[in-house]
Amino acid sequence: KKDGVLIVNDQRIEPITVVTGAAVYPEQIIENLEKEHTVYKINAMEE
């Protein structure tokens, strides 16, 4: 929703298309999401 909340684990898992070179993993995903949404991020794996 416009006023919805996005909770993001700051982890990168490359899909098979990226692993095989058929696609590129996008950069600055969280920063771009923050431009349009209320985002709370956590590096949960590290924690």
All heavy atoms as atom14 arrays in JSON, in Angstrom:
{
  "sequence": "KKDGVLIVNDQRIEPITVVTGAAVYPEQIIENLEKEHTVYKINAMEE",
  "atom14_mask": [
    [1, 1, 1, 1, 1, 1, 1, 1, 1, 0, 0, 0, 0, 0],
    [1, 1, 1, 1, 1, 1, 1, 1, 1, 0, 0, 0, 0, 0],
    [1, 1, 1, 1, 1, 1, 1, 1, 0, 0, 0, 0, 0, 0],
    [1, 1, 1, 1, 0, 0, 0, 0, 0, 0, 0, 0, 0, 0],
    [1, 1, 1, 1, 1, 1, 1, 0, 0, 0, 0, 0, 0, 0],
    [1, 1, 1, 1, 1, 1, 1, 1, 0, 0, 0, 0, 0, 0],
    [1, 1, 1, 1, 1, 1, 1, 1, 0, 0, 0, 0, 0, 0],
    [1, 1, 1, 1, 1, 1, 1, 0, 0, 0, 0, 0, 0, 0],
    [1, 1, 1, 1, 1, 1, 1, 1, 0, 0, 0, 0, 0, 0],
    [1, 1, 1, 1, 1, 1, 1, 1, 0, 0, 0, 0, 0, 0],
    [1, 1, 1, 1, 1, 1, 1, 1, 1, 0, 0, 0, 0, 0],
    [1, 1, 1, 1, 1, 1, 1, 1, 1, 1, 1, 0, 0, 0],
    [1, 1, 1, 1, 1, 1, 1, 1, 0, 0, 0, 0, 0, 0],
    [1, 1, 1, 1, 1, 1, 1, 1, 1, 0, 0, 0, 0, 0],
    [1, 1, 1, 1, 1, 1, 1, 0, 0, 0, 0, 0, 0, 0],
    [1, 1, 1, 1, 1, 1, 1, 1, 0, 0, 0, 0, 0, 0],
    [1, 1, 1, 1, 1, 1, 1, 0, 0, 0, 0, 0, 0, 0],
    [1, 1, 1, 1, 1, 1, 1, 0, 0, 0, 0, 0, 0, 0],
    [1, 1, 1, 1, 1, 1, 1, 0, 0, 0, 0, 0, 0, 0],
    [1, 1, 1, 1, 1, 1, 1, 0, 0, 0, 0, 0, 0, 0],
    [1, 1, 1, 1, 0, 0, 0, 0, 0, 0, 0, 0, 0, 0],
    [1, 1, 1, 1, 1, 0, 0, 0, 0, 0, 0, 0, 0, 0],
    [1, 1, 1, 1, 1, 0, 0, 0, 0, 0, 0, 0, 0, 0],
    [1, 1, 1, 1, 1, 1, 1, 0, 0, 0, 0, 0, 0, 0],
    [1, 1, 1, 1, 1, 1, 1, 1, 1, 1, 1, 1, 0, 0],
    [1, 1, 1, 1, 1, 1, 1, 0, 0, 0, 0, 0, 0, 0],
    [1, 1, 1, 1, 1, 1, 1, 1, 1, 0, 0, 0, 0, 0],
    [1, 1, 1, 1, 1, 1, 1, 1, 1, 0, 0, 0, 0, 0],
    [1, 1, 1, 1, 1, 1, 1, 1, 0, 0, 0, 0, 0, 0],
    [1, 1, 1, 1, 1, 1, 1, 1, 0, 0, 0, 0, 0, 0],
    [1, 1, 1, 1, 1, 1, 1, 1, 1, 0, 0, 0, 0, 0],
    [1, 1, 1, 1, 1, 1, 1, 1, 0, 0, 0, 0, 0, 0],
    [1, 1, 1, 1, 1, 1, 1, 1, 0, 0, 0, 0, 0, 0],
    [1, 1, 1, 1, 1, 1, 1, 1, 1, 0, 0, 0, 0, 0],
    [1, 1, 1, 1, 1, 1, 1, 1, 1, 0, 0, 0, 0, 0],
    [1, 1, 1, 1, 1, 1, 1, 1, 1, 0, 0, 0, 0, 0],
    [1, 1, 1, 1, 1, 1, 1, 1, 1, 1, 0, 0, 0, 0],
    [1, 1, 1, 1, 1, 1, 1, 0, 0, 0, 0, 0, 0, 0],
    [1, 1, 1, 1, 1, 1, 1, 0, 0, 0, 0, 0, 0, 0],
    [1, 1, 1, 1, 1, 1, 1, 1, 1, 1, 1, 1, 0, 0],
    [1, 1, 1, 1, 1, 1, 1, 1, 1, 0, 0, 0, 0, 0],
    [1, 1, 1, 1, 1, 1, 1, 1, 0, 0, 0, 0, 0, 0],
    [1, 1, 1, 1, 1, 1, 1, 1, 0, 0, 0, 0, 0, 0],
    [1, 1, 1, 1, 1, 0, 0, 0, 0, 0, 0, 0, 0, 0],
    [1, 1, 1, 1, 1, 1, 1, 1, 0, 0, 0, 0, 0, 0],
    [1, 1, 1, 1, 1, 1, 1, 1, 1, 0, 0, 0, 0, 0],
    [1, 1, 1, 1, 1, 1, 1, 1, 1, 0, 0, 0, 0, 0]
  ],
  "atom14_positions": [
    [[0.86, -1.18, 0.0], [0.0, 0.0, 0.0], [0.89, 1.23, 0.0], [2.08, 1.14, 0.35], [-0.83, 0.05, 1.29], [-1.94, -0.93, 1.39], [-2.67, -0.71, 2.72], [-3.88, -1.59, 2.81], [-4.58, -1.42, 4.09], [0.0, 0.0, 0.0], [0.0, 0.0, 0.0], [0.0, 0.0, 0.0], [0.0, 0.0, 0.0], [0.0, 0.0, 0.0]],
    [[0.32, 2.38, -0.32], [1.09, 3.63, -0.28], [1.71, 3.86, 1.09], [2.84, 4.31, 1.19], [0.22, 4.82, -0.66], [0.02, 4.97, -2.14], [-0.65, 6.3, -2.43], [-0.86, 6.41, -3.93], [-0.23, 7.57, -4.49], [0.0, 0.0, 0.0], [0.0, 0.0, 0.0], [0.0, 0.0, 0.0], [0.0, 0.0, 0.0], [0.0, 0.0, 0.0]],
    [[0.96, 3.56, 2.14], [1.48, 3.75, 3.5], [1.97, 2.45, 4.12], [2.14, 2.35, 5.33], [0.42, 4.4, 4.4], [-0.84, 3.55, 4.52], [-1.03, 2.62, 3.71], [-1.64, 3.83, 5.43], [0.0, 0.0, 0.0], [0.0, 0.0, 0.0], [0.0, 0.0, 0.0], [0.0, 0.0, 0.0], [0.0, 0.0, 0.0], [0.0, 0.0, 0.0]],
    [[2.23, 1.44, 3.29], [2.72, 0.15, 3.78], [4.18, 0.23, 4.21], [4.89, 1.19, 3.91], [0.0, 0.0, 0.0], [0.0, 0.0, 0.0], [0.0, 0.0, 0.0], [0.0, 0.0, 0.0], [0.0, 0.0, 0.0], [0.0, 0.0, 0.0], [0.0, 0.0, 0.0], [0.0, 0.0, 0.0], [0.0, 0.0, 0.0], [0.0, 0.0, 0.0]],
    [[4.61, -0.8, 4.9], [5.96, -0.87, 5.44], [6.68, -2.07, 4.83], [6.12, -3.17, 4.76], [5.91, -1.01, 6.98], [7.29, -1.22, 7.55], [5.24, 0.19, 7.61], [0.0, 0.0, 0.0], [0.0, 0.0, 0.0], [0.0, 0.0, 0.0], [0.0, 0.0, 0.0], [0.0, 0.0, 0.0], [0.0, 0.0, 0.0], [0.0, 0.0, 0.0]],
    [[7.91, -1.85, 4.4], [8.74, -2.89, 3.8], [9.87, -3.22, 4.75], [10.66, -2.34, 5.12], [9.27, -2.41, 2.45], [10.21, -3.31, 1.66], [9.6, -4.67, 1.4], [10.57, -2.64, 0.34], [0.0, 0.0, 0.0], [0.0, 0.0, 0.0], [0.0, 0.0, 0.0], [0.0, 0.0, 0.0], [0.0, 0.0, 0.0], [0.0, 0.0, 0.0]],
    [[9.93, -4.47, 5.18], [11.0, -4.96, 6.07], [11.92, -5.8, 5.19], [11.48, -6.81, 4.63], [10.44, -5.82, 7.22], [9.28, -5.13, 7.93], [11.56, -6.23, 8.17], [9.58, -3.85, 8.62], [0.0, 0.0, 0.0], [0.0, 0.0, 0.0], [0.0, 0.0, 0.0], [0.0, 0.0, 0.0], [0.0, 0.0, 0.0], [0.0, 0.0, 0.0]],
    [[13.2, -5.42, 5.08], [14.11, -6.09, 4.16], [15.33, -6.64, 4.9], [16.01, -5.9, 5.62], [14.6, -5.14, 3.06], [15.52, -5.87, 2.08], [13.45, -4.5, 2.32], [0.0, 0.0, 0.0], [0.0, 0.0, 0.0], [0.0, 0.0, 0.0], [0.0, 0.0, 0.0], [0.0, 0.0, 0.0], [0.0, 0.0, 0.0], [0.0, 0.0, 0.0]],
    [[15.58, -7.91, 4.68], [16.84, -8.49, 5.12], [17.89, -8.16, 4.05], [17.72, -8.51, 2.89], [16.7, -10.02, 5.26], [18.0, -10.66, 5.71], [18.79, -10.06, 6.42], [18.21, -11.89, 5.29], [0.0, 0.0, 0.0], [0.0, 0.0, 0.0], [0.0, 0.0, 0.0], [0.0, 0.0, 0.0], [0.0, 0.0, 0.0], [0.0, 0.0, 0.0]],
    [[18.92, -7.47, 4.45], [19.97, -7.03, 3.52], [20.89, -8.2, 3.18], [22.02, -8.28, 3.63], [20.75, -5.87, 4.13], [21.67, -5.19, 3.14], [21.7, -5.62, 1.97], [22.36, -4.23, 3.53], [0.0, 0.0, 0.0], [0.0, 0.0, 0.0], [0.0, 0.0, 0.0], [0.0, 0.0, 0.0], [0.0, 0.0, 0.0], [0.0, 0.0, 0.0]],
    [[20.34, -9.13, 2.4], [21.08, -10.31, 1.99], [20.93, -10.49, 0.49], [19.86, -10.24, -0.06], [20.56, -11.56, 2.71], [21.35, -12.81, 2.38], [20.85, -14.02, 3.16], [19.82, -13.99, 3.81], [21.6, -15.1, 3.08], [0.0, 0.0, 0.0], [0.0, 0.0, 0.0], [0.0, 0.0, 0.0], [0.0, 0.0, 0.0], [0.0, 0.0, 0.0]],
    [[22.01, -10.91, -0.13], [22.02, -11.13, -1.58], [22.16, -12.62, -1.86], [23.15, -13.24, -1.47], [23.18, -10.36, -2.2], [23.36, -10.6, -3.67], [24.53, -9.8, -4.19], [24.84, -10.11, -5.57], [25.31, -9.25, -6.44], [25.57, -8.0, -6.06], [25.56, -9.61, -7.67], [0.0, 0.0, 0.0], [0.0, 0.0, 0.0], [0.0, 0.0, 0.0]],
    [[21.14, -13.17, -2.51], [21.19, -14.56, -2.98], [20.94, -14.5, -4.48], [19.86, -14.14, -4.92], [20.13, -15.44, -2.28], [20.39, -15.47, -0.77], [20.16, -16.85, -2.87], [19.34, -16.22, 0.02], [0.0, 0.0, 0.0], [0.0, 0.0, 0.0], [0.0, 0.0, 0.0], [0.0, 0.0, 0.0], [0.0, 0.0, 0.0], [0.0, 0.0, 0.0]],
    [[21.95, -14.84, -5.23], [21.84, -14.71, -6.68], [20.99, -15.82, -7.28], [21.24, -17.0, -7.03], [23.23, -14.72, -7.31], [24.04, -13.51, -6.91], [25.41, -13.44, -7.57], [25.84, -14.44, -8.2], [26.04, -12.38, -7.45], [0.0, 0.0, 0.0], [0.0, 0.0, 0.0], [0.0, 0.0, 0.0], [0.0, 0.0, 0.0], [0.0, 0.0, 0.0]],
    [[19.97, -15.45, -8.06], [19.17, -16.47, -8.74], [19.99, -17.14, -9.84], [21.03, -16.63, -10.27], [18.0, -15.67, -9.32], [18.46, -14.26, -9.38], [19.52, -14.09, -8.33], [0.0, 0.0, 0.0], [0.0, 0.0, 0.0], [0.0, 0.0, 0.0], [0.0, 0.0, 0.0], [0.0, 0.0, 0.0], [0.0, 0.0, 0.0], [0.0, 0.0, 0.0]],
    [[19.51, -18.26, -10.3], [20.24, -19.05, -11.3], [20.55, -18.24, -12.56], [21.59, -18.42, -13.17], [19.49, -20.37, -11.63], [20.4, -21.35, -12.38], [18.22, -20.12, -12.39], [21.5, -21.92, -11.55], [0.0, 0.0, 0.0], [0.0, 0.0, 0.0], [0.0, 0.0, 0.0], [0.0, 0.0, 0.0], [0.0, 0.0, 0.0], [0.0, 0.0, 0.0]],
    [[19.66, -17.31, -12.94], [19.91, -16.51, -14.14], [21.14, -15.61, -13.96], [21.87, -15.36, -14.91], [18.69, -15.64, -14.48], [18.33, -14.87, -13.33], [17.53, -16.48, -14.94], [0.0, 0.0, 0.0], [0.0, 0.0, 0.0], [0.0, 0.0, 0.0], [0.0, 0.0, 0.0], [0.0, 0.0, 0.0], [0.0, 0.0, 0.0], [0.0, 0.0, 0.0]],
    [[21.37, -15.15, -12.74], [22.56, -14.34, -12.47], [23.8, -15.24, -12.4], [24.85, -14.92, -12.96], [22.39, -13.53, -11.16], [23.69, -12.85, -10.75], [21.27, -12.51, -11.32], [0.0, 0.0, 0.0], [0.0, 0.0, 0.0], [0.0, 0.0, 0.0], [0.0, 0.0, 0.0], [0.0, 0.0, 0.0], [0.0, 0.0, 0.0], [0.0, 0.0, 0.0]],
    [[23.67, -16.38, -11.75], [24.78, -17.32, -11.62], [25.28, -17.77, -12.98], [26.49, -17.88, -13.21], [24.37, -18.54, -10.75], [25.45, -19.61, -10.76], [24.06, -18.1, -9.33], [0.0, 0.0, 0.0], [0.0, 0.0, 0.0], [0.0, 0.0, 0.0], [0.0, 0.0, 0.0], [0.0, 0.0, 0.0], [0.0, 0.0, 0.0], [0.0, 0.0, 0.0]],
    [[24.36, -18.0, -13.91], [24.75, -18.48, -15.24], [25.17, -17.35, -16.18], [25.59, -17.61, -17.31], [23.59, -19.26, -15.9], [22.47, -18.38, -16.06], [23.25, -20.49, -15.1], [0.0, 0.0, 0.0], [0.0, 0.0, 0.0], [0.0, 0.0, 0.0], [0.0, 0.0, 0.0], [0.0, 0.0, 0.0], [0.0, 0.0, 0.0], [0.0, 0.0, 0.0]],
    [[25.01, -16.1, -15.75], [25.39, -14.97, -16.59], [24.3, -14.47, -17.51], [24.51, -13.56, -18.31], [0.0, 0.0, 0.0], [0.0, 0.0, 0.0], [0.0, 0.0, 0.0], [0.0, 0.0, 0.0], [0.0, 0.0, 0.0], [0.0, 0.0, 0.0], [0.0, 0.0, 0.0], [0.0, 0.0, 0.0], [0.0, 0.0, 0.0], [0.0, 0.0, 0.0]],
    [[23.11, -15.04, -17.42], [22.0, -14.62, -18.29], [21.37, -13.3, -17.83], [20.67, -12.66, -18.59], [20.93, -15.71, -18.35], [0.0, 0.0, 0.0], [0.0, 0.0, 0.0], [0.0, 0.0, 0.0], [0.0, 0.0, 0.0], [0.0, 0.0, 0.0], [0.0, 0.0, 0.0], [0.0, 0.0, 0.0], [0.0, 0.0, 0.0], [0.0, 0.0, 0.0]],
    [[21.63, -12.92, -16.57], [21.08, -11.67, -16.02], [22.09, -11.07, -15.06], [23.06, -11.71, -14.68], [19.76, -11.94, -15.31], [0.0, 0.0, 0.0], [0.0, 0.0, 0.0], [0.0, 0.0, 0.0], [0.0, 0.0, 0.0], [0.0, 0.0, 0.0], [0.0, 0.0, 0.0], [0.0, 0.0, 0.0], [0.0, 0.0, 0.0], [0.0, 0.0, 0.0]],
    [[21.85, -9.83, -14.7], [22.73, -9.12, -13.78], [21.93, -8.79, -12.52], [20.78, -8.34, -12.61], [23.26, -7.81, -14.42], [24.11, -7.02, -13.43], [24.04, -8.14, -15.68], [0.0, 0.0, 0.0], [0.0, 0.0, 0.0], [0.0, 0.0, 0.0], [0.0, 0.0, 0.0], [0.0, 0.0, 0.0], [0.0, 0.0, 0.0], [0.0, 0.0, 0.0]],
    [[22.54, -9.01, -11.36], [21.9, -8.68, -10.1], [21.88, -7.16, -9.96], [22.91, -6.51, -10.07], [22.68, -9.3, -8.94], [21.92, -9.34, -7.63], [21.23, -10.48, -7.26], [21.91, -8.26, -6.77], [20.53, -10.54, -6.06], [21.24, -8.3, -5.57], [20.54, -9.45, -5.22], [19.87, -9.5, -4.02], [0.0, 0.0, 0.0], [0.0, 0.0, 0.0]],
    [[20.71, -6.56, -9.74], [20.64, -5.09, -9.66], [21.43, -4.53, -8.47], [21.5, -5.16, -7.41], [19.14, -4.83, -9.45], [18.45, -6.09, -9.79], [19.42, -7.2, -9.58], [0.0, 0.0, 0.0], [0.0, 0.0, 0.0], [0.0, 0.0, 0.0], [0.0, 0.0, 0.0], [0.0, 0.0, 0.0], [0.0, 0.0, 0.0], [0.0, 0.0, 0.0]],
    [[21.98, -3.37, -8.64], [22.71, -2.68, -7.58], [21.78, -1.73, -6.85], [20.75, -1.33, -7.37], [23.91, -1.92, -8.16], [24.95, -2.81, -8.83], [25.59, -3.8, -7.89], [25.87, -3.45, -6.71], [25.81, -4.96, -8.31], [0.0, 0.0, 0.0], [0.0, 0.0, 0.0], [0.0, 0.0, 0.0], [0.0, 0.0, 0.0], [0.0, 0.0, 0.0]],
    [[22.13, -1.36, -5.66], [21.42, -0.36, -4.84], [19.92, -0.63, -4.74], [19.09, 0.29, -4.83], [21.68, 1.04, -5.37], [23.15, 1.4, -5.34], [23.42, 2.81, -5.81], [22.61, 3.43, -6.49], [24.57, 3.33, -5.42], [0.0, 0.0, 0.0], [0.0, 0.0, 0.0], [0.0, 0.0, 0.0], [0.0, 0.0, 0.0], [0.0, 0.0, 0.0]],
    [[19.57, -1.88, -4.52], [18.16, -2.26, -4.43], [17.47, -1.53, -3.28], [16.42, -0.92, -3.45], [18.01, -3.79, -4.28], [18.42, -4.49, -5.58], [16.59, -4.16, -3.87], [18.47, -6.0, -5.49], [0.0, 0.0, 0.0], [0.0, 0.0, 0.0], [0.0, 0.0, 0.0], [0.0, 0.0, 0.0], [0.0, 0.0, 0.0], [0.0, 0.0, 0.0]],
    [[18.06, -1.62, -2.1], [17.41, -1.03, -0.93], [17.32, 0.48, -1.06], [16.27, 1.08, -0.77], [18.13, -1.46, 0.37], [17.95, -2.98, 0.57], [17.6, -0.68, 1.57], [18.71, -3.56, 1.74], [0.0, 0.0, 0.0], [0.0, 0.0, 0.0], [0.0, 0.0, 0.0], [0.0, 0.0, 0.0], [0.0, 0.0, 0.0], [0.0, 0.0, 0.0]],
    [[18.37, 1.11, -1.53], [18.35, 2.57, -1.72], [17.26, 2.98, -2.69], [16.57, 3.99, -2.48], [19.72, 3.06, -2.21], [20.85, 2.87, -1.22], [21.43, 1.45, -1.16], [21.0, 0.57, -1.93], [22.3, 1.22, -0.3], [0.0, 0.0, 0.0], [0.0, 0.0, 0.0], [0.0, 0.0, 0.0], [0.0, 0.0, 0.0], [0.0, 0.0, 0.0]],
    [[17.07, 2.23, -3.76], [16.02, 2.54, -4.72], [14.63, 2.3, -4.14], [13.71, 3.07, -4.4], [16.22, 1.75, -6.01], [17.41, 2.25, -6.81], [17.73, 3.44, -6.77], [18.08, 1.35, -7.51], [0.0, 0.0, 0.0], [0.0, 0.0, 0.0], [0.0, 0.0, 0.0], [0.0, 0.0, 0.0], [0.0, 0.0, 0.0], [0.0, 0.0, 0.0]],
    [[14.48, 1.26, -3.35], [13.19, 1.01, -2.71], [12.84, 2.12, -1.72], [11.68, 2.49, -1.59], [13.2, -0.35, -1.98], [13.15, -1.58, -2.88], [13.46, -2.84, -2.07], [11.81, -1.7, -3.57], [0.0, 0.0, 0.0], [0.0, 0.0, 0.0], [0.0, 0.0, 0.0], [0.0, 0.0, 0.0], [0.0, 0.0, 0.0], [0.0, 0.0, 0.0]],
    [[13.84, 2.66, -1.05], [13.62, 3.73, -0.06], [13.09, 5.01, -0.71], [12.49, 5.84, -0.03], [14.91, 4.04, 0.7], [15.29, 2.93, 1.66], [16.64, 3.14, 2.33], [17.56, 3.73, 1.69], [16.8, 2.7, 3.47], [0.0, 0.0, 0.0], [0.0, 0.0, 0.0], [0.0, 0.0, 0.0], [0.0, 0.0, 0.0], [0.0, 0.0, 0.0]],
    [[13.28, 5.17, -2.0], [12.78, 6.36, -2.7], [11.26, 6.36, -2.79], [10.65, 7.42, -2.9], [13.38, 6.44, -4.1], [14.88, 6.69, -4.1], [15.45, 6.63, -5.5], [16.96, 6.78, -5.47], [17.55, 6.59, -6.81], [0.0, 0.0, 0.0], [0.0, 0.0, 0.0], [0.0, 0.0, 0.0], [0.0, 0.0, 0.0], [0.0, 0.0, 0.0]],
    [[10.64, 5.17, -2.78], [9.2, 5.07, -2.95], [8.45, 4.48, -1.76], [7.23, 4.57, -1.7], [8.89, 4.22, -4.18], [9.32, 4.84, -5.48], [8.9, 4.0, -6.68], [7.8, 3.42, -6.64], [9.68, 3.93, -7.63], [0.0, 0.0, 0.0], [0.0, 0.0, 0.0], [0.0, 0.0, 0.0], [0.0, 0.0, 0.0], [0.0, 0.0, 0.0]],
    [[9.17, 3.85, -0.83], [8.51, 3.11, 0.24], [9.16, 3.42, 1.59], [10.3, 3.85, 1.65], [8.6, 1.6, -0.01], [8.06, 1.18, -1.34], [6.71, 1.13, -1.61], [8.69, 0.8, -2.48], [6.54, 0.73, -2.86], [7.71, 0.53, -3.41], [0.0, 0.0, 0.0], [0.0, 0.0, 0.0], [0.0, 0.0, 0.0], [0.0, 0.0, 0.0]],
    [[8.43, 3.12, 2.66], [9.0, 3.16, 4.0], [9.7, 1.82, 4.2], [9.05, 0.77, 4.22], [7.9, 3.35, 5.06], [7.21, 4.57, 4.78], [8.49, 3.4, 6.46], [0.0, 0.0, 0.0], [0.0, 0.0, 0.0], [0.0, 0.0, 0.0], [0.0, 0.0, 0.0], [0.0, 0.0, 0.0], [0.0, 0.0, 0.0], [0.0, 0.0, 0.0]],
    [[11.01, 1.87, 4.32], [11.82, 0.66, 4.37], [12.58, 0.58, 5.69], [13.19, 1.56, 6.12], [12.83, 0.62, 3.19], [13.73, -0.61, 3.28], [12.11, 0.67, 1.85], [0.0, 0.0, 0.0], [0.0, 0.0, 0.0], [0.0, 0.0, 0.0], [0.0, 0.0, 0.0], [0.0, 0.0, 0.0], [0.0, 0.0, 0.0], [0.0, 0.0, 0.0]],
    [[12.54, -0.59, 6.3], [13.36, -0.9, 7.47], [14.23, -2.06, 7.09], [13.72, -3.1, 6.66], [12.49, -1.25, 8.68], [11.62, -0.1, 9.13], [10.34, 0.06, 8.62], [12.11, 0.83, 10.04], [9.55, 1.13, 9.02], [11.32, 1.9, 10.44], [10.05, 2.04, 9.92], [9.26, 3.09, 10.32], [0.0, 0.0, 0.0], [0.0, 0.0, 0.0]],
    [[15.53, -1.89, 7.21], [16.43, -2.97, 6.79], [17.21, -3.51, 7.98], [17.42, -2.82, 8.98], [17.38, -2.49, 5.7], [18.36, -1.43, 6.13], [19.25, -1.0, 4.99], [20.14, 0.16, 5.46], [21.03, 0.61, 4.43], [0.0, 0.0, 0.0], [0.0, 0.0, 0.0], [0.0, 0.0, 0.0], [0.0, 0.0, 0.0], [0.0, 0.0, 0.0]],
    [[17.62, -4.75, 7.81], [18.41, -5.44, 8.82], [19.31, -6.43, 8.11], [18.91, -7.02, 7.11], [17.48, -6.16, 9.83], [18.3, -6.85, 10.93], [16.56, -7.14, 9.14], [17.45, -7.43, 12.06], [0.0, 0.0, 0.0], [0.0, 0.0, 0.0], [0.0, 0.0, 0.0], [0.0, 0.0, 0.0], [0.0, 0.0, 0.0], [0.0, 0.0, 0.0]],
    [[20.53, -6.56, 8.6], [21.39, -7.63, 8.1], [21.23, -8.78, 9.08], [22.04, -9.0, 9.97], [22.85, -7.19, 7.99], [23.7, -8.23, 7.29], [23.38, -9.42, 7.31], [24.76, -7.78, 6.66], [0.0, 0.0, 0.0], [0.0, 0.0, 0.0], [0.0, 0.0, 0.0], [0.0, 0.0, 0.0], [0.0, 0.0, 0.0], [0.0, 0.0, 0.0]],
    [[20.13, -9.49, 8.95], [19.74, -10.51, 9.91], [20.69, -11.7, 9.93], [20.9, -12.29, 10.99], [18.31, -10.97, 9.62], [0.0, 0.0, 0.0], [0.0, 0.0, 0.0], [0.0, 0.0, 0.0], [0.0, 0.0, 0.0], [0.0, 0.0, 0.0], [0.0, 0.0, 0.0], [0.0, 0.0, 0.0], [0.0, 0.0, 0.0], [0.0, 0.0, 0.0]],
    [[21.26, -12.05, 8.79], [22.19, -13.18, 8.76], [23.4, -12.88, 9.63], [23.83, -13.71, 10.44], [22.6, -13.5, 7.33], [23.47, -14.74, 7.22], [22.69, -16.25, 7.81], [21.59, -16.59, 6.46], [0.0, 0.0, 0.0], [0.0, 0.0, 0.0], [0.0, 0.0, 0.0], [0.0, 0.0, 0.0], [0.0, 0.0, 0.0], [0.0, 0.0, 0.0]],
    [[23.94, -11.69, 9.49], [25.1, -11.29, 10.29], [24.75, -11.25, 11.78], [25.5, -11.73, 12.62], [25.59, -9.91, 9.84], [26.83, -9.42, 10.54], [27.28, -8.08, 10.01], [27.52, -7.99, 8.79], [27.38, -7.14, 10.82], [0.0, 0.0, 0.0], [0.0, 0.0, 0.0], [0.0, 0.0, 0.0], [0.0, 0.0, 0.0], [0.0, 0.0, 0.0]],
    [[23.59, -10.7, 12.09], [23.16, -10.61, 13.49], [22.89, -12.0, 14.08], [23.2, -12.26, 15.23], [21.92, -9.72, 13.62], [22.17, -8.26, 13.28], [23.2, -7.62, 14.2], [23.11, -7.8, 15.42], [24.1, -6.93, 13.68], [0.0, 0.0, 0.0], [0.0, 0.0, 0.0], [0.0, 0.0, 0.0], [0.0, 0.0, 0.0], [0.0, 0.0, 0.0]]
  ]
}
